[in-house]
């Protein structure tokens, strides 16, 4: 059930962002850096595309600018360890072949993670 919830949260985070501020796309070598914004102008997501697929590190932020998720894509597939911050809880989700392989949860100190 936890795995399903995490998948739903990740899918929702990419599809449900209200875009009152136009996204920004910048060419960087063979990649395109994409930045999506919350309605208040704060960055919502930032990462790269290559050959029209998600590639490299992606970061997601809440409307206050605090980092809430971070992970990597290779050729459009989630790979490696993704981190999700919820209050003082950090969830680490390991992906293998774009599927959840393991989920661990731990407490963190009170420091807020910024970009």
PDB file of N, CA and C in Angstrom:
ATOM      1  N   UNK A   1       0.818  -1.196   0.000  1.00  0.00           N
ATOM      2  CA  UNK A   1       0.000   0.000   0.000  1.00  0.00           C
ATOM      3  C   UNK A   1       0.865   1.264   0.000  1.00  0.00           C
ATOM      4  N   UNK A   2       1.995   1.224   0.800  1.00  0.00           N
ATOM      5  CA  UNK A   2       2.878   2.378   0.829  1.00  0.00           C
ATOM      6  C   UNK A   2       3.437   2.665  -0.558  1.00  0.00           C
ATOM      7  N   UNK A   3       3.817   1.603  -1.269  1.00  0.00           N
ATOM      8  CA  UNK A   3       4.386   1.774  -2.601  1.00  0.00           C
ATOM      9  C   UNK A   3       3.378   2.429  -3.533  1.00  0.00           C
ATOM     10  N   UNK A   4       2.130   2.004  -3.440  1.00  0.00           N
ATOM     11  CA  UNK A   4       1.084   2.581  -4.283  1.00  0.00           C
ATOM     12  C   UNK A   4       0.899   4.056  -3.958  1.00  0.00           C
ATOM     13  N   UNK A   5       0.911   4.406  -2.676  1.00  0.00           N
ATOM     14  CA  UNK A   5       0.754   5.804  -2.264  1.00  0.00           C
ATOM     15  C   UNK A   5       1.887   6.658  -2.819  1.00  0.00           C
ATOM     16  N   UNK A   6       3.109   6.155  -2.739  1.00  0.00           N
ATOM     17  CA  UNK A   6       4.259   6.919  -3.239  1.00  0.00           C
ATOM     18  C   UNK A   6       4.139   7.121  -4.739  1.00  0.00           C
ATOM     19  N   UNK A   7       3.750   6.090  -5.458  1.00  0.00           N
ATOM     20  CA  UNK A   7       3.579   6.203  -6.907  1.00  0.00           C
ATOM     21  C   UNK A   7       2.515   7.242  -7.230  1.00  0.00           C
ATOM     22  N   UNK A   8       1.405   7.219  -6.495  1.00  0.00           N
ATOM     23  CA  UNK A   8       0.340   8.180  -6.742  1.00  0.00           C
ATOM     24  C   UNK A   8       0.792   9.604  -6.452  1.00  0.00           C
ATOM     25  N   UNK A   9       1.547   9.788  -5.374  1.00  0.00           N
ATOM     26  CA  UNK A   9       2.046  11.121  -5.029  1.00  0.00           C
ATOM     27  C   UNK A   9       2.970  11.631  -6.122  1.00  0.00           C
ATOM     28  N   UNK A  10       3.863  10.763  -6.612  1.00  0.00           N
ATOM     29  CA  UNK A  10       4.789  11.174  -7.664  1.00  0.00           C
ATOM     30  C   UNK A  10       4.043  11.490  -8.950  1.00  0.00           C
ATOM     31  N   UNK A  11       3.081  10.673  -9.314  1.00  0.00           N
ATOM     32  CA  UNK A  11       2.314  10.925 -10.537  1.00  0.00           C
ATOM     33  C   UNK A  11       1.533  12.225 -10.399  1.00  0.00           C
ATOM     34  N   UNK A  12       0.947  12.454  -9.225  1.00  0.00           N
ATOM     35  CA  UNK A  12       0.180  13.661  -8.988  1.00  0.00           C
ATOM     36  C   UNK A  12       1.072  14.891  -9.063  1.00  0.00           C
ATOM     37  N   UNK A  13       2.291  14.783  -8.520  1.00  0.00           N
ATOM     38  CA  UNK A  13       3.179  15.947  -8.502  1.00  0.00           C
ATOM     39  C   UNK A  13       3.549  16.402  -9.903  1.00  0.00           C
ATOM     40  N   UNK A  14       3.641  15.479 -10.867  1.00  0.00           N
ATOM     41  CA  UNK A  14       3.971  15.872 -12.233  1.00  0.00           C
ATOM     42  C   UNK A  14       2.744  16.365 -12.987  1.00  0.00           C
ATOM     43  N   UNK A  15       1.558  15.870 -12.671  1.00  0.00           N
ATOM     44  CA  UNK A  15       0.395  16.184 -13.482  1.00  0.00           C
ATOM     45  C   UNK A  15      -0.524  17.248 -12.954  1.00  0.00           C
ATOM     46  N   UNK A  16      -0.411  17.604 -11.684  1.00  0.00           N
ATOM     47  CA  UNK A  16      -1.439  18.458 -11.099  1.00  0.00           C
ATOM     48  C   UNK A  16      -0.963  19.859 -10.738  1.00  0.00           C
ATOM     49  N   UNK A  17       0.171  20.264 -11.224  1.00  0.00           N
ATOM     50  CA  UNK A  17       0.683  21.583 -10.882  1.00  0.00           C
ATOM     51  C   UNK A  17      -0.036  22.644 -11.708  1.00  0.00           C
ATOM     52  N   UNK A  18      -0.665  23.580 -11.009  1.00  0.00           N
ATOM     53  CA  UNK A  18      -1.334  24.682 -11.708  1.00  0.00           C
ATOM     54  C   UNK A  18      -0.266  25.601 -12.275  1.00  0.00           C
ATOM     55  N   UNK A  19      -0.368  25.914 -13.528  1.00  0.00           N
ATOM     56  CA  UNK A  19       0.656  26.696 -14.198  1.00  0.00           C
ATOM     57  C   UNK A  19       0.163  28.098 -14.517  1.00  0.00           C
ATOM     58  N   UNK A  20       0.165  28.982 -13.519  1.00  0.00           N
ATOM     59  CA  UNK A  20      -0.130  30.387 -13.777  1.00  0.00           C
ATOM     60  C   UNK A  20       1.120  31.081 -14.297  1.00  0.00           C
ATOM     61  N   UNK A  21       2.289  30.519 -13.996  1.00  0.00           N
ATOM     62  CA  UNK A  21       3.560  31.043 -14.471  1.00  0.00           C
ATOM     63  C   UNK A  21       4.057  30.060 -15.523  1.00  0.00           C
ATOM     64  N   UNK A  22       4.373  30.570 -16.700  1.00  0.00           N
ATOM     65  CA  UNK A  22       4.786  29.699 -17.805  1.00  0.00           C
ATOM     66  C   UNK A  22       6.080  28.960 -17.461  1.00  0.00           C
ATOM     67  N   UNK A  23       6.168  27.690 -17.842  1.00  0.00           N
ATOM     68  CA  UNK A  23       7.413  26.958 -17.619  1.00  0.00           C
ATOM     69  C   UNK A  23       8.550  27.564 -18.449  1.00  0.00           C
ATOM     70  N   UNK A  24       9.762  27.310 -18.018  1.00  0.00           N
ATOM     71  CA  UNK A  24      10.935  27.854 -18.682  1.00  0.00           C
ATOM     72  C   UNK A  24      11.787  26.693 -19.188  1.00  0.00           C
ATOM     73  N   UNK A  25      12.241  26.764 -20.438  1.00  0.00           N
ATOM     74  CA  UNK A  25      13.061  25.722 -21.038  1.00  0.00           C
ATOM     75  C   UNK A  25      14.347  26.349 -21.575  1.00  0.00           C
ATOM     76  N   UNK A  26      15.486  25.768 -21.197  1.00  0.00           N
ATOM     77  CA  UNK A  26      16.783  26.288 -21.618  1.00  0.00           C
ATOM     78  C   UNK A  26      17.640  25.154 -22.153  1.00  0.00           C
ATOM     79  N   UNK A  27      18.226  25.336 -23.308  1.00  0.00           N
ATOM     80  CA  UNK A  27      19.099  24.318 -23.892  1.00  0.00           C
ATOM     81  C   UNK A  27      20.440  24.360 -23.181  1.00  0.00           C
ATOM     82  N   UNK A  28      20.914  23.194 -22.735  1.00  0.00           N
ATOM     83  CA  UNK A  28      22.224  23.063 -22.099  1.00  0.00           C
ATOM     84  C   UNK A  28      22.911  21.851 -22.716  1.00  0.00           C
ATOM     85  N   UNK A  29      23.755  22.075 -23.683  1.00  0.00           N
ATOM     86  CA  UNK A  29      24.418  20.973 -24.376  1.00  0.00           C
ATOM     87  C   UNK A  29      23.394  20.149 -25.128  1.00  0.00           C
ATOM     88  N   UNK A  30      23.374  18.843 -24.881  1.00  0.00           N
ATOM     89  CA  UNK A  30      22.412  17.968 -25.557  1.00  0.00           C
ATOM     90  C   UNK A  30      21.135  17.758 -24.742  1.00  0.00           C
ATOM     91  N   UNK A  31      20.994  18.508 -23.640  1.00  0.00           N
ATOM     92  CA  UNK A  31      19.803  18.410 -22.787  1.00  0.00           C
ATOM     93  C   UNK A  31      19.037  19.723 -22.792  1.00  0.00           C
ATOM     94  N   UNK A  32      17.794  19.661 -22.338  1.00  0.00           N
ATOM     95  CA  UNK A  32      16.974  20.852 -22.142  1.00  0.00           C
ATOM     96  C   UNK A  32      16.609  20.908 -20.666  1.00  0.00           C
ATOM     97  N   UNK A  33      16.965  22.005 -20.024  1.00  0.00           N
ATOM     98  CA  UNK A  33      16.631  22.194 -18.609  1.00  0.00           C
ATOM     99  C   UNK A  33      15.229  22.771 -18.532  1.00  0.00           C
ATOM    100  N   UNK A  34      14.354  22.092 -17.800  1.00  0.00           N
ATOM    101  CA  UNK A  34      12.972  22.532 -17.638  1.00  0.00           C
ATOM    102  C   UNK A  34      12.746  23.003 -16.209  1.00  0.00           C
ATOM    103  N   UNK A  35      12.062  24.132 -16.085  1.00  0.00           N
ATOM    104  CA  UNK A  35      11.695  24.658 -14.770  1.00  0.00           C
ATOM    105  C   UNK A  35      10.204  24.961 -14.803  1.00  0.00           C
ATOM    106  N   UNK A  36       9.477  24.351 -13.869  1.00  0.00           N
ATOM    107  CA  UNK A  36       8.037  24.572 -13.738  1.00  0.00           C
ATOM    108  C   UNK A  36       7.807  25.338 -12.441  1.00  0.00           C
ATOM    109  N   UNK A  37       6.772  26.184 -12.425  1.00  0.00           N
ATOM    110  CA  UNK A  37       6.548  27.081 -11.293  1.00  0.00           C
ATOM    111  C   UNK A  37       5.175  26.869 -10.652  1.00  0.00           C
ATOM    112  N   UNK A  38       5.122  27.165  -9.345  1.00  0.00           N
ATOM    113  CA  UNK A  38       3.845  27.243  -8.637  1.00  0.00           C
ATOM    114  C   UNK A  38       3.172  28.568  -9.019  1.00  0.00           C
ATOM    115  N   UNK A  39       1.907  28.698  -8.708  1.00  0.00           N
ATOM    116  CA  UNK A  39       1.161  29.924  -9.009  1.00  0.00           C
ATOM    117  C   UNK A  39       1.778  31.155  -8.341  1.00  0.00           C
ATOM    118  N   UNK A  40       2.458  30.958  -7.198  1.00  0.00           N
ATOM    119  CA  UNK A  40       3.077  32.089  -6.498  1.00  0.00           C
ATOM    120  C   UNK A  40       4.455  32.458  -7.059  1.00  0.00           C
ATOM    121  N   UNK A  41       4.900  31.757  -8.112  1.00  0.00           N
ATOM    122  CA  UNK A  41       6.182  32.067  -8.741  1.00  0.00           C
ATOM    123  C   UNK A  41       7.346  31.231  -8.243  1.00  0.00           C
ATOM    124  N   UNK A  42       7.158  30.508  -7.121  1.00  0.00           N
ATOM    125  CA  UNK A  42       8.222  29.627  -6.619  1.00  0.00           C
ATOM    126  C   UNK A  42       8.403  28.446  -7.570  1.00  0.00           C
ATOM    127  N   UNK A  43       9.614  27.931  -7.636  1.00  0.00           N
ATOM    128  CA  UNK A  43       9.885  26.764  -8.481  1.00  0.00           C
ATOM    129  C   UNK A  43       9.150  25.551  -7.919  1.00  0.00           C
ATOM    130  N   UNK A  44       8.437  24.835  -8.784  1.00  0.00           N
ATOM    131  CA  UNK A  44       7.731  23.612  -8.404  1.00  0.00           C
ATOM    132  C   UNK A  44       8.574  22.380  -8.734  1.00  0.00           C
ATOM    133  N   UNK A  45       9.168  22.360  -9.928  1.00  0.00           N
ATOM    134  CA  UNK A  45       9.996  21.247 -10.377  1.00  0.00           C
ATOM    135  C   UNK A  45      11.096  21.770 -11.270  1.00  0.00           C
ATOM    136  N   UNK A  46      12.212  21.049 -11.249  1.00  0.00           N
ATOM    137  CA  UNK A  46      13.315  21.428 -12.115  1.00  0.00           C
ATOM    138  C   UNK A  46      14.104  20.176 -12.475  1.00  0.00           C
ATOM    139  N   UNK A  47      14.397  20.037 -13.769  1.00  0.00           N
ATOM    140  CA  UNK A  47      15.163  18.892 -14.223  1.00  0.00           C
ATOM    141  C   UNK A  47      15.447  18.985 -15.707  1.00  0.00           C
ATOM    142  N   UNK A  48      15.818  17.863 -16.283  1.00  0.00           N
ATOM    143  CA  UNK A  48      16.265  17.846 -17.674  1.00  0.00           C
ATOM    144  C   UNK A  48      15.471  16.876 -18.535  1.00  0.00           C
ATOM    145  N   UNK A  49      15.444  17.198 -19.819  1.00  0.00           N
ATOM    146  CA  UNK A  49      14.935  16.318 -20.861  1.00  0.00           C
ATOM    147  C   UNK A  49      16.076  16.072 -21.842  1.00  0.00           C
ATOM    148  N   UNK A  50      16.113  14.872 -22.389  1.00  0.00           N
ATOM    149  CA  UNK A  50      17.033  14.572 -23.478  1.00  0.00           C
ATOM    150  C   UNK A  50      16.298  13.629 -24.415  1.00  0.00           C
ATOM    151  N   UNK A  51      16.266  13.971 -25.691  1.00  0.00           N
ATOM    152  CA  UNK A  51      15.516  13.183 -26.675  1.00  0.00           C
ATOM    153  C   UNK A  51      14.055  13.022 -26.253  1.00  0.00           C
ATOM    154  N   UNK A  52      13.472  14.108 -25.719  1.00  0.00           N
ATOM    155  CA  UNK A  52      12.078  14.171 -25.292  1.00  0.00           C
ATOM    156  C   UNK A  52      11.730  13.231 -24.138  1.00  0.00           C
ATOM    157  N   UNK A  53      12.739  12.783 -23.382  1.00  0.00           N
ATOM    158  CA  UNK A  53      12.517  11.923 -22.210  1.00  0.00           C
ATOM    159  C   UNK A  53      13.180  12.569 -21.000  1.00  0.00           C
ATOM    160  N   UNK A  54      12.594  12.320 -19.824  1.00  0.00           N
ATOM    161  CA  UNK A  54      13.187  12.823 -18.593  1.00  0.00           C
ATOM    162  C   UNK A  54      14.575  12.213 -18.442  1.00  0.00           C
ATOM    163  N   UNK A  55      15.544  13.051 -18.016  1.00  0.00           N
ATOM    164  CA  UNK A  55      16.921  12.582 -17.935  1.00  0.00           C
ATOM    165  C   UNK A  55      17.649  13.315 -16.819  1.00  0.00           C
ATOM    166  N   UNK A  56      18.399  12.588 -16.015  1.00  0.00           N
ATOM    167  CA  UNK A  56      19.202  13.208 -14.965  1.00  0.00           C
ATOM    168  C   UNK A  56      18.397  13.544 -13.728  1.00  0.00           C
ATOM    169  N   UNK A  57      18.960  14.442 -12.937  1.00  0.00           N
ATOM    170  CA  UNK A  57      18.366  14.788 -11.647  1.00  0.00           C
ATOM    171  C   UNK A  57      17.132  15.679 -11.801  1.00  0.00           C
ATOM    172  N   UNK A  58      16.074  15.338 -11.079  1.00  0.00           N
ATOM    173  CA  UNK A  58      14.859  16.157 -10.982  1.00  0.00           C
ATOM    174  C   UNK A  58      14.640  16.495  -9.521  1.00  0.00           C
ATOM    175  N   UNK A  59      14.243  17.735  -9.281  1.00  0.00           N
ATOM    176  CA  UNK A  59      13.944  18.201  -7.928  1.00  0.00           C
ATOM    177  C   UNK A  59      12.539  18.774  -7.920  1.00  0.00           C
ATOM    178  N   UNK A  60      11.823  18.559  -6.813  1.00  0.00           N
ATOM    179  CA  UNK A  60      10.480  19.102  -6.643  1.00  0.00           C
ATOM    180  C   UNK A  60      10.428  19.898  -5.337  1.00  0.00           C
ATOM    181  N   UNK A  61       9.687  21.003  -5.367  1.00  0.00           N
ATOM    182  CA  UNK A  61       9.626  21.921  -4.230  1.00  0.00           C
ATOM    183  C   UNK A  61       8.176  22.258  -3.901  1.00  0.00           C
ATOM    184  N   UNK A  62       7.931  22.565  -2.622  1.00  0.00           N
ATOM    185  CA  UNK A  62       6.589  23.023  -2.259  1.00  0.00           C
ATOM    186  C   UNK A  62       6.478  24.519  -2.545  1.00  0.00           C
ATOM    187  N   UNK A  63       5.335  25.104  -2.267  1.00  0.00           N
ATOM    188  CA  UNK A  63       5.097  26.517  -2.580  1.00  0.00           C
ATOM    189  C   UNK A  63       5.934  27.474  -1.747  1.00  0.00           C
ATOM    190  N   UNK A  64       6.570  26.966  -0.674  1.00  0.00           N
ATOM    191  CA  UNK A  64       7.460  27.797   0.135  1.00  0.00           C
ATOM    192  C   UNK A  64       8.903  27.714  -0.337  1.00  0.00           C
ATOM    193  N   UNK A  65       9.176  26.873  -1.343  1.00  0.00           N
ATOM    194  CA  UNK A  65      10.530  26.721  -1.852  1.00  0.00           C
ATOM    195  C   UNK A  65      11.325  25.622  -1.176  1.00  0.00           C
ATOM    196  N   UNK A  66      10.686  24.863  -0.262  1.00  0.00           N
ATOM    197  CA  UNK A  66      11.369  23.755   0.409  1.00  0.00           C
ATOM    198  C   UNK A  66      11.379  22.531  -0.499  1.00  0.00           C
ATOM    199  N   UNK A  67      12.524  21.849  -0.573  1.00  0.00           N
ATOM    200  CA  UNK A  67      12.632  20.652  -1.399  1.00  0.00           C
ATOM    201  C   UNK A  67      11.779  19.549  -0.786  1.00  0.00           C
ATOM    202  N   UNK A  68      10.929  18.906  -1.613  1.00  0.00           N
ATOM    203  CA  UNK A  68      10.079  17.829  -1.122  1.00  0.00           C
ATOM    204  C   UNK A  68      10.392  16.494  -1.784  1.00  0.00           C
ATOM    205  N   UNK A  69      11.116  16.505  -2.904  1.00  0.00           N
ATOM    206  CA  UNK A  69      11.485  15.255  -3.567  1.00  0.00           C
ATOM    207  C   UNK A  69      12.665  15.492  -4.484  1.00  0.00           C
ATOM    208  N   UNK A  70      13.464  14.423  -4.662  1.00  0.00           N
ATOM    209  CA  UNK A  70      14.613  14.508  -5.552  1.00  0.00           C
ATOM    210  C   UNK A  70      14.980  13.105  -5.997  1.00  0.00           C
ATOM    211  N   UNK A  71      15.273  12.969  -7.298  1.00  0.00           N
ATOM    212  CA  UNK A  71      15.692  11.677  -7.818  1.00  0.00           C
ATOM    213  C   UNK A  71      16.204  11.806  -9.234  1.00  0.00           C
ATOM    214  N   UNK A  72      16.567  10.672  -9.816  1.00  0.00           N
ATOM    215  CA  UNK A  72      17.164  10.655 -11.148  1.00  0.00           C
ATOM    216  C   UNK A  72      16.365   9.826 -12.133  1.00  0.00           C
ATOM    217  N   UNK A  73      16.432  10.258 -13.376  1.00  0.00           N
ATOM    218  CA  UNK A  73      15.857   9.531 -14.505  1.00  0.00           C
ATOM    219  C   UNK A  73      16.984   9.149 -15.456  1.00  0.00           C
ATOM    220  N   UNK A  74      16.867   7.992 -16.068  1.00  0.00           N
ATOM    221  CA  UNK A  74      17.741   7.583 -17.151  1.00  0.00           C
ATOM    222  C   UNK A  74      16.837   7.141 -18.290  1.00  0.00           C
ATOM    223  N   UNK A  75      16.906   7.863 -19.394  1.00  0.00           N
ATOM    224  CA  UNK A  75      16.095   7.546 -20.574  1.00  0.00           C
ATOM    225  C   UNK A  75      14.601   7.442 -20.239  1.00  0.00           C
ATOM    226  N   UNK A  76      14.122   8.356 -19.380  1.00  0.00           N
ATOM    227  CA  UNK A  76      12.706   8.419 -19.032  1.00  0.00           C
ATOM    228  C   UNK A  76      12.270   7.507 -17.898  1.00  0.00           C
ATOM    229  N   UNK A  77      13.181   6.700 -17.353  1.00  0.00           N
ATOM    230  CA  UNK A  77      12.825   5.762 -16.281  1.00  0.00           C
ATOM    231  C   UNK A  77      13.443   6.206 -14.956  1.00  0.00           C
ATOM    232  N   UNK A  78      12.665   6.121 -13.874  1.00  0.00           N
ATOM    233  CA  UNK A  78      13.193   6.416 -12.547  1.00  0.00           C
ATOM    234  C   UNK A  78      14.271   5.387 -12.232  1.00  0.00           C
ATOM    235  N   UNK A  79      15.356   5.871 -11.649  1.00  0.00           N
ATOM    236  CA  UNK A  79      16.457   4.978 -11.333  1.00  0.00           C
ATOM    237  C   UNK A  79      17.117   5.385 -10.023  1.00  0.00           C
ATOM    238  N   UNK A  80      17.729   4.435  -9.373  1.00  0.00           N
ATOM    239  CA  UNK A  80      18.459   4.719  -8.141  1.00  0.00           C
ATOM    240  C   UNK A  80      17.546   5.079  -6.991  1.00  0.00           C
ATOM    241  N   UNK A  81      18.089   5.830  -6.048  1.00  0.00           N
ATOM    242  CA  UNK A  81      17.355   6.213  -4.836  1.00  0.00           C
ATOM    243  C   UNK A  81      16.744   7.593  -4.990  1.00  0.00           C
ATOM    244  N   UNK A  82      15.452   7.674  -4.776  1.00  0.00           N
ATOM    245  CA  UNK A  82      14.725   8.939  -4.728  1.00  0.00           C
ATOM    246  C   UNK A  82      14.475   9.262  -3.267  1.00  0.00           C
ATOM    247  N   UNK A  83      14.495  10.553  -2.923  1.00  0.00           N
ATOM    248  CA  UNK A  83      14.205  10.991  -1.556  1.00  0.00           C
ATOM    249  C   UNK A  83      12.960  11.862  -1.555  1.00  0.00           C
ATOM    250  N   UNK A  84      12.136  11.649  -0.529  1.00  0.00           N
ATOM    251  CA  UNK A  84      10.908  12.425  -0.334  1.00  0.00           C
ATOM    252  C   UNK A  84      10.918  12.937   1.098  1.00  0.00           C
ATOM    253  N   UNK A  85      10.705  14.246   1.264  1.00  0.00           N
ATOM    254  CA  UNK A  85      10.688  14.863   2.576  1.00  0.00           C
ATOM    255  C   UNK A  85       9.254  15.212   2.945  1.00  0.00           C
ATOM    256  N   UNK A  86       8.816  14.741   4.119  1.00  0.00           N
ATOM    257  CA  UNK A  86       7.483  15.046   4.656  1.00  0.00           C
ATOM    258  C   UNK A  86       7.655  15.446   6.105  1.00  0.00           C
ATOM    259  N   UNK A  87       7.705  16.741   6.376  1.00  0.00           N
ATOM    260  CA  UNK A  87       7.949  17.192   7.744  1.00  0.00           C
ATOM    261  C   UNK A  87       9.320  16.735   8.189  1.00  0.00           C
ATOM    262  N   UNK A  88       9.384  15.996   9.308  1.00  0.00           N
ATOM    263  CA  UNK A  88      10.681  15.515   9.787  1.00  0.00           C
ATOM    264  C   UNK A  88      10.963  14.076   9.348  1.00  0.00           C
ATOM    265  N   UNK A  89      10.199  13.581   8.392  1.00  0.00           N
ATOM    266  CA  UNK A  89      10.376  12.224   7.869  1.00  0.00           C
ATOM    267  C   UNK A  89      11.018  12.283   6.486  1.00  0.00           C
ATOM    268  N   UNK A  90      12.008  11.433   6.264  1.00  0.00           N
ATOM    269  CA  UNK A  90      12.634  11.274   4.952  1.00  0.00           C
ATOM    270  C   UNK A  90      12.353   9.851   4.489  1.00  0.00           C
ATOM    271  N   UNK A  91      11.760   9.740   3.307  1.00  0.00           N
ATOM    272  CA  UNK A  91      11.521   8.422   2.718  1.00  0.00           C
ATOM    273  C   UNK A  91      12.486   8.262   1.555  1.00  0.00           C
ATOM    274  N   UNK A  92      13.202   7.143   1.548  1.00  0.00           N
ATOM    275  CA  UNK A  92      14.093   6.821   0.447  1.00  0.00           C
ATOM    276  C   UNK A  92      13.487   5.654  -0.312  1.00  0.00           C
ATOM    277  N   UNK A  93      13.276   5.872  -1.596  1.00  0.00           N
ATOM    278  CA  UNK A  93      12.635   4.868  -2.442  1.00  0.00           C
ATOM    279  C   UNK A  93      13.656   4.445  -3.491  1.00  0.00           C
ATOM    280  N   UNK A  94      14.004   3.159  -3.482  1.00  0.00           N
ATOM    281  CA  UNK A  94      14.945   2.622  -4.459  1.00  0.00           C
ATOM    282  C   UNK A  94      14.182   2.085  -5.653  1.00  0.00           C
ATOM    283  N   UNK A  95      14.617   2.504  -6.840  1.00  0.00           N
ATOM    284  CA  UNK A  95      13.995   2.054  -8.081  1.00  0.00           C
ATOM    285  C   UNK A  95      14.928   1.123  -8.831  1.00  0.00           C
ATOM    286  N   UNK A  96      14.353   0.082  -9.408  1.00  0.00           N
ATOM    287  CA  UNK A  96      15.067  -0.865 -10.247  1.00  0.00           C
ATOM    288  C   UNK A  96      14.191  -1.105 -11.471  1.00  0.00           C
ATOM    289  N   UNK A  97      14.677  -0.804 -12.665  1.00  0.00           N
ATOM    290  CA  UNK A  97      13.885  -0.936 -13.890  1.00  0.00           C
ATOM    291  C   UNK A  97      12.575  -0.164 -13.804  1.00  0.00           C
ATOM    292  N   UNK A  98      12.618   1.054 -13.237  1.00  0.00           N
ATOM    293  CA  UNK A  98      11.465   1.938 -13.134  1.00  0.00           C
ATOM    294  C   UNK A  98      10.393   1.408 -12.182  1.00  0.00           C
ATOM    295  N   UNK A  99      10.757   0.450 -11.349  1.00  0.00           N
ATOM    296  CA  UNK A  99       9.823  -0.114 -10.357  1.00  0.00           C
ATOM    297  C   UNK A  99      10.397   0.056  -8.963  1.00  0.00           C
ATOM    298  N   UNK A 100       9.507   0.208  -7.997  1.00  0.00           N
ATOM    299  CA  UNK A 100       9.954   0.358  -6.615  1.00  0.00           C
ATOM    300  C   UNK A 100      10.530  -0.960  -6.133  1.00  0.00           C
ATOM    301  N   UNK A 101      11.789  -0.910  -5.676  1.00  0.00           N
ATOM    302  CA  UNK A 101      12.465  -2.104  -5.167  1.00  0.00           C
ATOM    303  C   UNK A 101      12.459  -2.123  -3.640  1.00  0.00           C
ATOM    304  N   UNK A 102      12.554  -0.937  -3.006  1.00  0.00           N
ATOM    305  CA  UNK A 102      12.577  -0.868  -1.544  1.00  0.00           C
ATOM    306  C   UNK A 102      12.202   0.536  -1.101  1.00  0.00           C
ATOM    307  N   UNK A 103      11.641   0.619   0.104  1.00  0.00           N
ATOM    308  CA  UNK A 103      11.292   1.907   0.706  1.00  0.00           C
ATOM    309  C   UNK A 103      11.801   1.901   2.138  1.00  0.00           C
ATOM    310  N   UNK A 104      12.556   2.944   2.504  1.00  0.00           N
ATOM    311  CA  UNK A 104      12.985   3.096   3.888  1.00  0.00           C
ATOM    312  C   UNK A 104      12.544   4.473   4.366  1.00  0.00           C
ATOM    313  N   UNK A 105      12.341   4.570   5.666  1.00  0.00           N
ATOM    314  CA  UNK A 105      11.852   5.810   6.252  1.00  0.00           C
ATOM    315  C   UNK A 105      12.683   6.123   7.476  1.00  0.00           C
ATOM    316  N   UNK A 106      13.047   7.404   7.646  1.00  0.00           N
ATOM    317  CA  UNK A 106      13.812   7.802   8.816  1.00  0.00           C
ATOM    318  C   UNK A 106      13.439   9.228   9.190  1.00  0.00           C
ATOM    319  N   UNK A 107      13.803   9.610  10.421  1.00  0.00           N
ATOM    320  CA  UNK A 107      13.583  10.984  10.870  1.00  0.00           C
ATOM    321  C   UNK A 107      14.811  11.794  10.531  1.00  0.00           C
ATOM    322  N   UNK A 108      14.616  13.076  10.338  1.00  0.00           N
ATOM    323  CA  UNK A 108      15.747  13.969  10.092  1.00  0.00           C
ATOM    324  C   UNK A 108      15.742  15.072  11.119  1.00  0.00           C
ATOM    325  N   UNK A 109      16.823  15.847  11.114  1.00  0.00           N
ATOM    326  CA  UNK A 109      16.849  16.975  12.031  1.00  0.00           C
ATOM    327  C   UNK A 109      15.891  18.060  11.529  1.00  0.00           C
ATOM    328  N   UNK A 110      15.808  19.145  12.196  1.00  0.00           N
ATOM    329  CA  UNK A 110      14.844  20.193  11.876  1.00  0.00           C
ATOM    330  C   UNK A 110      15.276  21.099  10.725  1.00  0.00           C
ATOM    331  N   UNK A 111      16.446  20.872  10.147  1.00  0.00           N
ATOM    332  CA  UNK A 111      16.932  21.680   9.043  1.00  0.00           C
ATOM    333  C   UNK A 111      16.043  21.478   7.824  1.00  0.00           C
ATOM    334  N   UNK A 112      15.615  22.550   7.205  1.00  0.00           N
ATOM    335  CA  UNK A 112      14.804  22.494   5.996  1.00  0.00           C
ATOM    336  C   UNK A 112      15.744  22.400   4.802  1.00  0.00           C
ATOM    337  N   UNK A 113      15.475  21.487   3.905  1.00  0.00           N
ATOM    338  CA  UNK A 113      16.297  21.312   2.720  1.00  0.00           C
ATOM    339  C   UNK A 113      15.876  22.330   1.670  1.00  0.00           C
ATOM    340  N   UNK A 114      16.807  23.102   1.198  1.00  0.00           N
ATOM    341  CA  UNK A 114      16.554  24.081   0.127  1.00  0.00           C
ATOM    342  C   UNK A 114      17.295  23.625  -1.104  1.00  0.00           C
ATOM    343  N   UNK A 115      16.961  24.224  -2.240  1.00  0.00           N
ATOM    344  CA  UNK A 115      17.626  23.833  -3.479  1.00  0.00           C
ATOM    345  C   UNK A 115      19.065  24.210  -3.432  1.00  0.00           C
TER     346      UNK A 115
END
